[in-house]
Amino acid sequence: MLNLMVDWDNGSSLNVIIGHDHICKVESKAYRIRSEARRVAATGRSNMFEIAMELGCNAFADFMFTHAKEYGALILTGELPADIEFAAYDR
């Protein structure tokens, strides 16, 4: 049996038993937005909101309207500001 020990940033730890416990990677909203933005940009088309909706990139489409300044920075630099805040229920 294979065990995986996870050490959290807050000092806690957790032992996971591979094959017994169910584990999965949880993406942050920022990661999902960057991924969806790259997917939309890869189409080479110009109406990013329309493309996002067609592709089901809902987090990115919502981000365009709720974080206009940060959206501009993402388009120009490819990065989200480090201090960007999302609603707790959207993480």
PDB file of N, CA and C in Angstrom:
ATOM      1  N   MET A   1       0.835  -1.165   0.000  1.00  0.00           N
ATOM      2  CA  MET A   1       0.000   0.000   0.000  1.00  0.00           C
ATOM      3  C   MET A   1       0.892   1.243   0.000  1.00  0.00           C
ATOM      4  N   LEU A   2       0.550   2.218  -0.824  1.00  0.00           N
ATOM      5  CA  LEU A   2       1.344   3.435  -0.961  1.00  0.00           C
ATOM      6  C   LEU A   2       0.665   4.581  -0.219  1.00  0.00           C
ATOM      7  N   ASN A   3       1.414   5.263   0.608  1.00  0.00           N
ATOM      8  CA  ASN A   3       0.908   6.424   1.341  1.00  0.00           C
ATOM      9  C   ASN A   3       1.521   7.694   0.792  1.00  0.00           C
ATOM     10  N   LEU A   4       0.765   8.757   0.839  1.00  0.00           N
ATOM     11  CA  LEU A   4       1.241  10.071   0.428  1.00  0.00           C
ATOM     12  C   LEU A   4       0.989  11.033   1.573  1.00  0.00           C
ATOM     13  N   MET A   5       2.058  11.654   2.068  1.00  0.00           N
ATOM     14  CA  MET A   5       1.921  12.637   3.149  1.00  0.00           C
ATOM     15  C   MET A   5       1.872  14.028   2.543  1.00  0.00           C
ATOM     16  N   VAL A   6       0.853  14.772   2.909  1.00  0.00           N
ATOM     17  CA  VAL A   6       0.678  16.136   2.423  1.00  0.00           C
ATOM     18  C   VAL A   6       0.905  17.082   3.594  1.00  0.00           C
ATOM     19  N   ASP A   7       1.780  18.064   3.409  1.00  0.00           N
ATOM     20  CA  ASP A   7       2.019  19.098   4.415  1.00  0.00           C
ATOM     21  C   ASP A   7       1.409  20.401   3.908  1.00  0.00           C
ATOM     22  N   TRP A   8       0.449  20.932   4.642  1.00  0.00           N
ATOM     23  CA  TRP A   8      -0.237  22.163   4.253  1.00  0.00           C
ATOM     24  C   TRP A   8       0.544  23.380   4.709  1.00  0.00           C
ATOM     25  N   ASP A   9       0.271  24.518   4.082  1.00  0.00           N
ATOM     26  CA  ASP A   9       0.935  25.773   4.426  1.00  0.00           C
ATOM     27  C   ASP A   9       0.693  26.186   5.878  1.00  0.00           C
ATOM     28  N   ASN A  10      -0.433  25.772   6.454  1.00  0.00           N
ATOM     29  CA  ASN A  10      -0.767  26.188   7.821  1.00  0.00           C
ATOM     30  C   ASN A  10      -0.128  25.296   8.885  1.00  0.00           C
ATOM     31  N   GLY A  11       0.700  24.351   8.474  1.00  0.00           N
ATOM     32  CA  GLY A  11       1.387  23.476   9.423  1.00  0.00           C
ATOM     33  C   GLY A  11       0.713  22.130   9.640  1.00  0.00           C
ATOM     34  N   SER A  12      -0.503  21.973   9.162  1.00  0.00           N
ATOM     35  CA  SER A  12      -1.203  20.687   9.277  1.00  0.00           C
ATOM     36  C   SER A  12      -0.660  19.698   8.261  1.00  0.00           C
ATOM     37  N   SER A  13      -0.966  18.429   8.463  1.00  0.00           N
ATOM     38  CA  SER A  13      -0.561  17.411   7.499  1.00  0.00           C
ATOM     39  C   SER A  13      -1.689  16.402   7.343  1.00  0.00           C
ATOM     40  N   LEU A  14      -1.603  15.604   6.305  1.00  0.00           N
ATOM     41  CA  LEU A  14      -2.627  14.609   6.008  1.00  0.00           C
ATOM     42  C   LEU A  14      -1.968  13.416   5.342  1.00  0.00           C
ATOM     43  N   ASN A  15      -2.335  12.230   5.776  1.00  0.00           N
ATOM     44  CA  ASN A  15      -1.835  11.009   5.171  1.00  0.00           C
ATOM     45  C   ASN A  15      -2.919  10.469   4.236  1.00  0.00           C
ATOM     46  N   VAL A  16      -2.589  10.294   2.962  1.00  0.00           N
ATOM     47  CA  VAL A  16      -3.519   9.771   1.963  1.00  0.00           C
ATOM     48  C   VAL A  16      -3.047   8.376   1.560  1.00  0.00           C
ATOM     49  N   ILE A  17      -3.969   7.431   1.528  1.00  0.00           N
ATOM     50  CA  ILE A  17      -3.643   6.062   1.118  1.00  0.00           C
ATOM     51  C   ILE A  17      -4.074   5.901  -0.337  1.00  0.00           C
ATOM     52  N   ILE A  18      -3.096   5.773  -1.228  1.00  0.00           N
ATOM     53  CA  ILE A  18      -3.361   5.644  -2.652  1.00  0.00           C
ATOM     54  C   ILE A  18      -4.120   4.342  -2.899  1.00  0.00           C
ATOM     55  N   GLY A  19      -5.197   4.424  -3.666  1.00  0.00           N
ATOM     56  CA  GLY A  19      -6.015   3.258  -3.960  1.00  0.00           C
ATOM     57  C   GLY A  19      -7.155   3.071  -2.977  1.00  0.00           C
ATOM     58  N   HIS A  20      -7.098   3.788  -1.867  1.00  0.00           N
ATOM     59  CA  HIS A  20      -8.159   3.700  -0.872  1.00  0.00           C
ATOM     60  C   HIS A  20      -8.879   5.048  -0.742  1.00  0.00           C
ATOM     61  N   ASP A  21      -8.111   6.103  -0.575  1.00  0.00           N
ATOM     62  CA  ASP A  21      -8.684   7.451  -0.470  1.00  0.00           C
ATOM     63  C   ASP A  21      -8.846   8.047  -1.852  1.00  0.00           C
ATOM     64  N   HIS A  22      -9.877   8.848  -2.023  1.00  0.00           N
ATOM     65  CA  HIS A  22     -10.101   9.542  -3.294  1.00  0.00           C
ATOM     66  C   HIS A  22      -9.481  10.929  -3.200  1.00  0.00           C
ATOM     67  N   ILE A  23      -8.562  11.240  -4.121  1.00  0.00           N
ATOM     68  CA  ILE A  23      -7.941  12.559  -4.155  1.00  0.00           C
ATOM     69  C   ILE A  23      -8.038  13.111  -5.567  1.00  0.00           C
ATOM     70  N   CYS A  24      -8.076  14.429  -5.683  1.00  0.00           N
ATOM     71  CA  CYS A  24      -8.083  15.072  -6.992  1.00  0.00           C
ATOM     72  C   CYS A  24      -7.475  16.462  -6.863  1.00  0.00           C
ATOM     73  N   LYS A  25      -6.994  16.962  -7.955  1.00  0.00           N
ATOM     74  CA  LYS A  25      -6.409  18.291  -7.997  1.00  0.00           C
ATOM     75  C   LYS A  25      -7.529  19.318  -8.122  1.00  0.00           C
ATOM     76  N   VAL A  26      -7.484  20.353  -7.308  1.00  0.00           N
ATOM     77  CA  VAL A  26      -8.463  21.427  -7.365  1.00  0.00           C
ATOM     78  C   VAL A  26      -7.767  22.660  -7.933  1.00  0.00           C
ATOM     79  N   GLU A  27      -8.286  23.158  -9.031  1.00  0.00           N
ATOM     80  CA  GLU A  27      -7.679  24.323  -9.667  1.00  0.00           C
ATOM     81  C   GLU A  27      -8.191  25.605  -9.024  1.00  0.00           C
ATOM     82  N   SER A  28      -7.318  26.571  -8.890  1.00  0.00           N
ATOM     83  CA  SER A  28      -7.745  27.881  -8.407  1.00  0.00           C
ATOM     84  C   SER A  28      -8.488  28.597  -9.533  1.00  0.00           C
ATOM     85  N   LYS A  29      -9.273  29.578  -9.172  1.00  0.00           N
ATOM     86  CA  LYS A  29     -10.001  30.336 -10.190  1.00  0.00           C
ATOM     87  C   LYS A  29      -9.009  31.061 -11.109  1.00  0.00           C
ATOM     88  N   ALA A  30      -7.930  31.576 -10.565  1.00  0.00           N
ATOM     89  CA  ALA A  30      -6.934  32.267 -11.382  1.00  0.00           C
ATOM     90  C   ALA A  30      -6.338  31.318 -12.421  1.00  0.00           C
ATOM     91  N   TYR A  31      -6.030  30.083 -12.009  1.00  0.00           N
ATOM     92  CA  TYR A  31      -5.489  29.096 -12.951  1.00  0.00           C
ATOM     93  C   TYR A  31      -6.500  28.797 -14.050  1.00  0.00           C
ATOM     94  N   ARG A  32      -7.768  28.613 -13.658  1.00  0.00           N
ATOM     95  CA  ARG A  32      -8.819  28.313 -14.630  1.00  0.00           C
ATOM     96  C   ARG A  32      -8.995  29.467 -15.620  1.00  0.00           C
ATOM     97  N   ILE A  33      -8.956  30.711 -15.131  1.00  0.00           N
ATOM     98  CA  ILE A  33      -9.104  31.877 -16.012  1.00  0.00           C
ATOM     99  C   ILE A  33      -7.942  31.944 -17.003  1.00  0.00           C
ATOM    100  N   ARG A  34      -6.713  31.757 -16.526  1.00  0.00           N
ATOM    101  CA  ARG A  34      -5.557  31.780 -17.437  1.00  0.00           C
ATOM    102  C   ARG A  34      -5.670  30.673 -18.479  1.00  0.00           C
ATOM    103  N   SER A  35      -6.066  29.487 -18.062  1.00  0.00           N
ATOM    104  CA  SER A  35      -6.207  28.363 -18.994  1.00  0.00           C
ATOM    105  C   SER A  35      -7.274  28.640 -20.043  1.00  0.00           C
ATOM    106  N   GLU A  36      -8.412  29.155 -19.603  1.00  0.00           N
ATOM    107  CA  GLU A  36      -9.491  29.458 -20.537  1.00  0.00           C
ATOM    108  C   GLU A  36      -9.104  30.602 -21.466  1.00  0.00           C
ATOM    109  N   ALA A  37      -8.378  31.592 -20.972  1.00  0.00           N
ATOM    110  CA  ALA A  37      -7.927  32.707 -21.814  1.00  0.00           C
ATOM    111  C   ALA A  37      -7.001  32.202 -22.916  1.00  0.00           C
ATOM    112  N   ARG A  38      -6.088  31.287 -22.576  1.00  0.00           N
ATOM    113  CA  ARG A  38      -5.190  30.716 -23.590  1.00  0.00           C
ATOM    114  C   ARG A  38      -5.976  29.918 -24.625  1.00  0.00           C
ATOM    115  N   ARG A  39      -6.974  29.179 -24.166  1.00  0.00           N
ATOM    116  CA  ARG A  39      -7.804  28.381 -25.079  1.00  0.00           C
ATOM    117  C   ARG A  39      -8.554  29.286 -26.060  1.00  0.00           C
ATOM    118  N   VAL A  40      -9.111  30.389 -25.548  1.00  0.00           N
ATOM    119  CA  VAL A  40      -9.831  31.338 -26.400  1.00  0.00           C
ATOM    120  C   VAL A  40      -8.863  32.014 -27.366  1.00  0.00           C
ATOM    121  N   ALA A  41      -7.704  32.464 -26.875  1.00  0.00           N
ATOM    122  CA  ALA A  41      -6.729  33.151 -27.720  1.00  0.00           C
ATOM    123  C   ALA A  41      -6.206  32.244 -28.829  1.00  0.00           C
ATOM    124  N   ALA A  42      -6.121  30.957 -28.562  1.00  0.00           N
ATOM    125  CA  ALA A  42      -5.592  30.001 -29.541  1.00  0.00           C
ATOM    126  C   ALA A  42      -6.476  29.888 -30.783  1.00  0.00           C
ATOM    127  N   THR A  43      -7.719  30.350 -30.699  1.00  0.00           N
ATOM    128  CA  THR A  43      -8.595  30.294 -31.869  1.00  0.00           C
ATOM    129  C   THR A  43      -8.177  31.312 -32.924  1.00  0.00           C
ATOM    130  N   GLY A  44      -7.463  32.378 -32.496  1.00  0.00           N
ATOM    131  CA  GLY A  44      -7.026  33.412 -33.433  1.00  0.00           C
ATOM    132  C   GLY A  44      -8.131  34.376 -33.836  1.00  0.00           C
ATOM    133  N   ARG A  45      -9.288  34.231 -33.245  1.00  0.00           N
ATOM    134  CA  ARG A  45     -10.405  35.125 -33.557  1.00  0.00           C
ATOM    135  C   ARG A  45     -10.407  36.305 -32.596  1.00  0.00           C
ATOM    136  N   SER A  46     -11.165  37.357 -32.931  1.00  0.00           N
ATOM    137  CA  SER A  46     -11.046  38.591 -32.159  1.00  0.00           C
ATOM    138  C   SER A  46     -12.118  38.845 -31.110  1.00  0.00           C
ATOM    139  N   ASN A  47     -13.322  38.337 -31.231  1.00  0.00           N
ATOM    140  CA  ASN A  47     -14.362  38.607 -30.240  1.00  0.00           C
ATOM    141  C   ASN A  47     -14.240  37.589 -29.107  1.00  0.00           C
ATOM    142  N   MET A  48     -13.420  37.929 -28.130  1.00  0.00           N
ATOM    143  CA  MET A  48     -13.074  36.960 -27.094  1.00  0.00           C
ATOM    144  C   MET A  48     -14.268  36.536 -26.244  1.00  0.00           C
ATOM    145  N   PHE A  49     -15.186  37.453 -25.964  1.00  0.00           N
ATOM    146  CA  PHE A  49     -16.346  37.077 -25.162  1.00  0.00           C
ATOM    147  C   PHE A  49     -17.206  36.055 -25.903  1.00  0.00           C
ATOM    148  N   GLU A  50     -17.475  36.320 -27.162  1.00  0.00           N
ATOM    149  CA  GLU A  50     -18.291  35.397 -27.959  1.00  0.00           C
ATOM    150  C   GLU A  50     -17.631  34.020 -28.046  1.00  0.00           C
ATOM    151  N   ILE A  51     -16.331  34.009 -28.262  1.00  0.00           N
ATOM    152  CA  ILE A  51     -15.591  32.747 -28.362  1.00  0.00           C
ATOM    153  C   ILE A  51     -15.626  32.008 -27.026  1.00  0.00           C
ATOM    154  N   ALA A  52     -15.425  32.756 -25.935  1.00  0.00           N
ATOM    155  CA  ALA A  52     -15.458  32.144 -24.605  1.00  0.00           C
ATOM    156  C   ALA A  52     -16.804  31.464 -24.366  1.00  0.00           C
ATOM    157  N   MET A  53     -17.875  32.127 -24.749  1.00  0.00           N
ATOM    158  CA  MET A  53     -19.197  31.537 -24.562  1.00  0.00           C
ATOM    159  C   MET A  53     -19.375  30.291 -25.437  1.00  0.00           C
ATOM    160  N   GLU A  54     -18.910  30.351 -26.687  1.00  0.00           N
ATOM    161  CA  GLU A  54     -19.001  29.195 -27.588  1.00  0.00           C
ATOM    162  C   GLU A  54     -18.260  27.987 -27.036  1.00  0.00           C
ATOM    163  N   LEU A  55     -17.089  28.242 -26.429  1.00  0.00           N
ATOM    164  CA  LEU A  55     -16.232  27.161 -25.931  1.00  0.00           C
ATOM    165  C   LEU A  55     -16.592  26.719 -24.514  1.00  0.00           C
ATOM    166  N   GLY A  56     -17.554  27.392 -23.903  1.00  0.00           N
ATOM    167  CA  GLY A  56     -17.925  27.045 -22.531  1.00  0.00           C
ATOM    168  C   GLY A  56     -16.925  27.516 -21.497  1.00  0.00           C
ATOM    169  N   CYS A  57     -16.179  28.568 -21.824  1.00  0.00           N
ATOM    170  CA  CYS A  57     -15.185  29.125 -20.893  1.00  0.00           C
ATOM    171  C   CYS A  57     -15.876  30.171 -20.011  1.00  0.00           C
ATOM    172  N   ASN A  58     -16.759  29.695 -19.154  1.00  0.00           N
ATOM    173  CA  ASN A  58     -17.602  30.592 -18.366  1.00  0.00           C
ATOM    174  C   ASN A  58     -16.842  31.416 -17.341  1.00  0.00           C
ATOM    175  N   ALA A  59     -15.811  30.852 -16.732  1.00  0.00           N
ATOM    176  CA  ALA A  59     -15.027  31.611 -15.748  1.00  0.00           C
ATOM    177  C   ALA A  59     -14.343  32.792 -16.428  1.00  0.00           C
ATOM    178  N   PHE A  60     -13.811  32.586 -17.621  1.00  0.00           N
ATOM    179  CA  PHE A  60     -13.149  33.666 -18.351  1.00  0.00           C
ATOM    180  C   PHE A  60     -14.156  34.706 -18.822  1.00  0.00           C
ATOM    181  N   ALA A  61     -15.310  34.272 -19.318  1.00  0.00           N
ATOM    182  CA  ALA A  61     -16.345  35.208 -19.769  1.00  0.00           C
ATOM    183  C   ALA A  61     -16.803  36.086 -18.602  1.00  0.00           C
ATOM    184  N   ASP A  62     -17.034  35.488 -17.446  1.00  0.00           N
ATOM    185  CA  ASP A  62     -17.436  36.245 -16.265  1.00  0.00           C
ATOM    186  C   ASP A  62     -16.335  37.212 -15.843  1.00  0.00           C
ATOM    187  N   PHE A  63     -15.095  36.753 -15.892  1.00  0.00           N
ATOM    188  CA  PHE A  63     -13.946  37.571 -15.513  1.00  0.00           C
ATOM    189  C   PHE A  63     -13.845  38.835 -16.366  1.00  0.00           C
ATOM    190  N   MET A  64     -14.143  38.732 -17.651  1.00  0.00           N
ATOM    191  CA  MET A  64     -14.063  39.895 -18.542  1.00  0.00           C
ATOM    192  C   MET A  64     -14.941  41.037 -18.057  1.00  0.00           C
ATOM    193  N   PHE A  65     -16.101  40.708 -17.528  1.00  0.00           N
ATOM    194  CA  PHE A  65     -17.043  41.743 -17.091  1.00  0.00           C
ATOM    195  C   PHE A  65     -16.847  42.181 -15.652  1.00  0.00           C
ATOM    196  N   THR A  66     -16.410  41.294 -14.797  1.00  0.00           N
ATOM    197  CA  THR A  66     -16.298  41.643 -13.385  1.00  0.00           C
ATOM    198  C   THR A  66     -14.933  42.203 -12.998  1.00  0.00           C
ATOM    199  N   HIS A  67     -13.937  42.018 -13.837  1.00  0.00           N
ATOM    200  CA  HIS A  67     -12.576  42.491 -13.545  1.00  0.00           C
ATOM    201  C   HIS A  67     -11.972  43.114 -14.811  1.00  0.00           C
ATOM    202  N   ALA A  68     -12.575  44.192 -15.279  1.00  0.00           N
ATOM    203  CA  ALA A  68     -12.162  44.808 -16.554  1.00  0.00           C
ATOM    204  C   ALA A  68     -10.684  45.215 -16.557  1.00  0.00           C
ATOM    205  N   LYS A  69     -10.208  45.835 -15.478  1.00  0.00           N
ATOM    206  CA  LYS A  69      -8.809  46.272 -15.416  1.00  0.00           C
ATOM    207  C   LYS A  69      -7.854  45.075 -15.477  1.00  0.00           C
ATOM    208  N   GLU A  70      -8.174  44.045 -14.702  1.00  0.00           N
ATOM    209  CA  GLU A  70      -7.333  42.858 -14.667  1.00  0.00           C
ATOM    210  C   GLU A  70      -7.400  42.092 -15.989  1.00  0.00           C
ATOM    211  N   TYR A  71      -8.564  42.130 -16.645  1.00  0.00           N
ATOM    212  CA  TYR A  71      -8.718  41.493 -17.966  1.00  0.00           C
ATOM    213  C   TYR A  71      -7.775  42.159 -18.961  1.00  0.00           C
ATOM    214  N   GLY A  72      -7.715  43.487 -18.933  1.00  0.00           N
ATOM    215  CA  GLY A  72      -6.801  44.210 -19.817  1.00  0.00           C
ATOM    216  C   GLY A  72      -5.361  43.812 -19.567  1.00  0.00           C
ATOM    217  N   ALA A  73      -4.990  43.694 -18.293  1.00  0.00           N
ATOM    218  CA  ALA A  73      -3.623  43.291 -17.949  1.00  0.00           C
ATOM    219  C   ALA A  73      -3.340  41.871 -18.431  1.00  0.00           C
ATOM    220  N   LEU A  74      -4.321  40.983 -18.293  1.00  0.00           N
ATOM    221  CA  LEU A  74      -4.146  39.597 -18.740  1.00  0.00           C
ATOM    222  C   LEU A  74      -3.915  39.546 -20.244  1.00  0.00           C
ATOM    223  N   ILE A  75      -4.683  40.313 -20.998  1.00  0.00           N
ATOM    224  CA  ILE A  75      -4.552  40.321 -22.451  1.00  0.00           C
ATOM    225  C   ILE A  75      -3.197  40.880 -22.873  1.00  0.00           C
ATOM    226  N   LEU A  76      -2.755  41.949 -22.207  1.00  0.00           N
ATOM    227  CA  LEU A  76      -1.498  42.603 -22.592  1.00  0.00           C
ATOM    228  C   LEU A  76      -0.250  41.862 -22.115  1.00  0.00           C
ATOM    229  N   THR A  77      -0.324  41.241 -20.933  1.00  0.00           N
ATOM    230  CA  THR A  77       0.869  40.638 -20.349  1.00  0.00           C
ATOM    231  C   THR A  77       0.814  39.117 -20.244  1.00  0.00           C
ATOM    232  N   GLY A  78      -0.395  38.551 -20.296  1.00  0.00           N
ATOM    233  CA  GLY A  78      -0.537  37.112 -20.124  1.00  0.00           C
ATOM    234  C   GLY A  78      -0.573  36.689 -18.670  1.00  0.00           C
ATOM    235  N   GLU A  79      -0.574  37.651 -17.755  1.00  0.00           N
ATOM    236  CA  GLU A  79      -0.557  37.351 -16.326  1.00  0.00           C
ATOM    237  C   GLU A  79      -1.699  38.052 -15.603  1.00  0.00           C
ATOM    238  N   LEU A  80      -2.144  37.443 -14.521  1.00  0.00           N
ATOM    239  CA  LEU A  80      -3.106  38.083 -13.627  1.00  0.00           C
ATOM    240  C   LEU A  80      -2.328  38.753 -12.507  1.00  0.00           C
ATOM    241  N   PRO A  81      -2.778  39.924 -12.041  1.00  0.00           N
ATOM    242  CA  PRO A  81      -2.095  40.564 -10.913  1.00  0.00           C
ATOM    243  C   PRO A  81      -2.077  39.631  -9.707  1.00  0.00           C
ATOM    244  N   ALA A  82      -0.995  39.629  -8.979  1.00  0.00           N
ATOM    245  CA  ALA A  82      -0.848  38.735  -7.830  1.00  0.00           C
ATOM    246  C   ALA A  82      -1.861  39.043  -6.730  1.00  0.00           C
ATOM    247  N   ASP A  83      -2.302  40.293  -6.641  1.00  0.00           N
ATOM    248  CA  ASP A  83      -3.200  40.687  -5.556  1.00  0.00           C
ATOM    249  C   ASP A  83      -4.680  40.640  -5.944  1.00  0.00           C
ATOM    250  N   ILE A  84      -5.010  39.991  -7.059  1.00  0.00           N
ATOM    251  CA  ILE A  84      -6.409  39.928  -7.498  1.00  0.00           C
ATOM    252  C   ILE A  84      -7.256  39.159  -6.480  1.00  0.00           C
ATOM    253  N   GLU A  85      -8.455  39.652  -6.245  1.00  0.00           N
ATOM    254  CA  GLU A  85      -9.357  39.031  -5.273  1.00  0.00           C
ATOM    255  C   GLU A  85     -10.583  38.487  -5.996  1.00  0.00           C
ATOM    256  N   PHE A  86     -10.967  37.271  -5.663  1.00  0.00           N
ATOM    257  CA  PHE A  86     -12.194  36.672  -6.161  1.00  0.00           C
ATOM    258  C   PHE A  86     -13.097  36.423  -4.972  1.00  0.00           C
ATOM    259  N   ALA A  87     -14.404  36.407  -5.214  1.00  0.00           N
ATOM    260  CA  ALA A  87     -15.344  36.085  -4.146  1.00  0.00           C
ATOM    261  C   ALA A  87     -15.008  34.707  -3.588  1.00  0.00           C
ATOM    262  N   ALA A  88     -15.171  34.531  -2.291  1.00  0.00           N
ATOM    263  CA  ALA A  88     -14.791  33.275  -1.638  1.00  0.00           C
ATOM    264  C   ALA A  88     -15.475  32.073  -2.273  1.00  0.00           C
ATOM    265  N   TYR A  89     -16.723  32.230  -2.722  1.00  0.00           N
ATOM    266  CA  TYR A  89     -17.445  31.097  -3.304  1.00  0.00           C
ATOM    267  C   TYR A  89     -16.986  30.775  -4.719  1.00  0.00           C
ATOM    268  N   ASP A  90     -16.163  31.622  -5.321  1.00  0.00           N
ATOM    269  CA  ASP A  90     -15.692  31.407  -6.695  1.00  0.00           C
ATOM    270  C   ASP A  90     -14.315  30.781  -6.761  1.00  0.00           C
ATOM    271  N   ARG A  91     -13.659  30.520  -5.678  1.00  0.00           N
ATOM    272  CA  ARG A  91     -12.290  30.007  -5.707  1.00  0.00           C
ATOM    273  C   ARG A  91     -12.226  28.598  -6.183  1.00  0.00           C
TER     274      ARG A  91
END
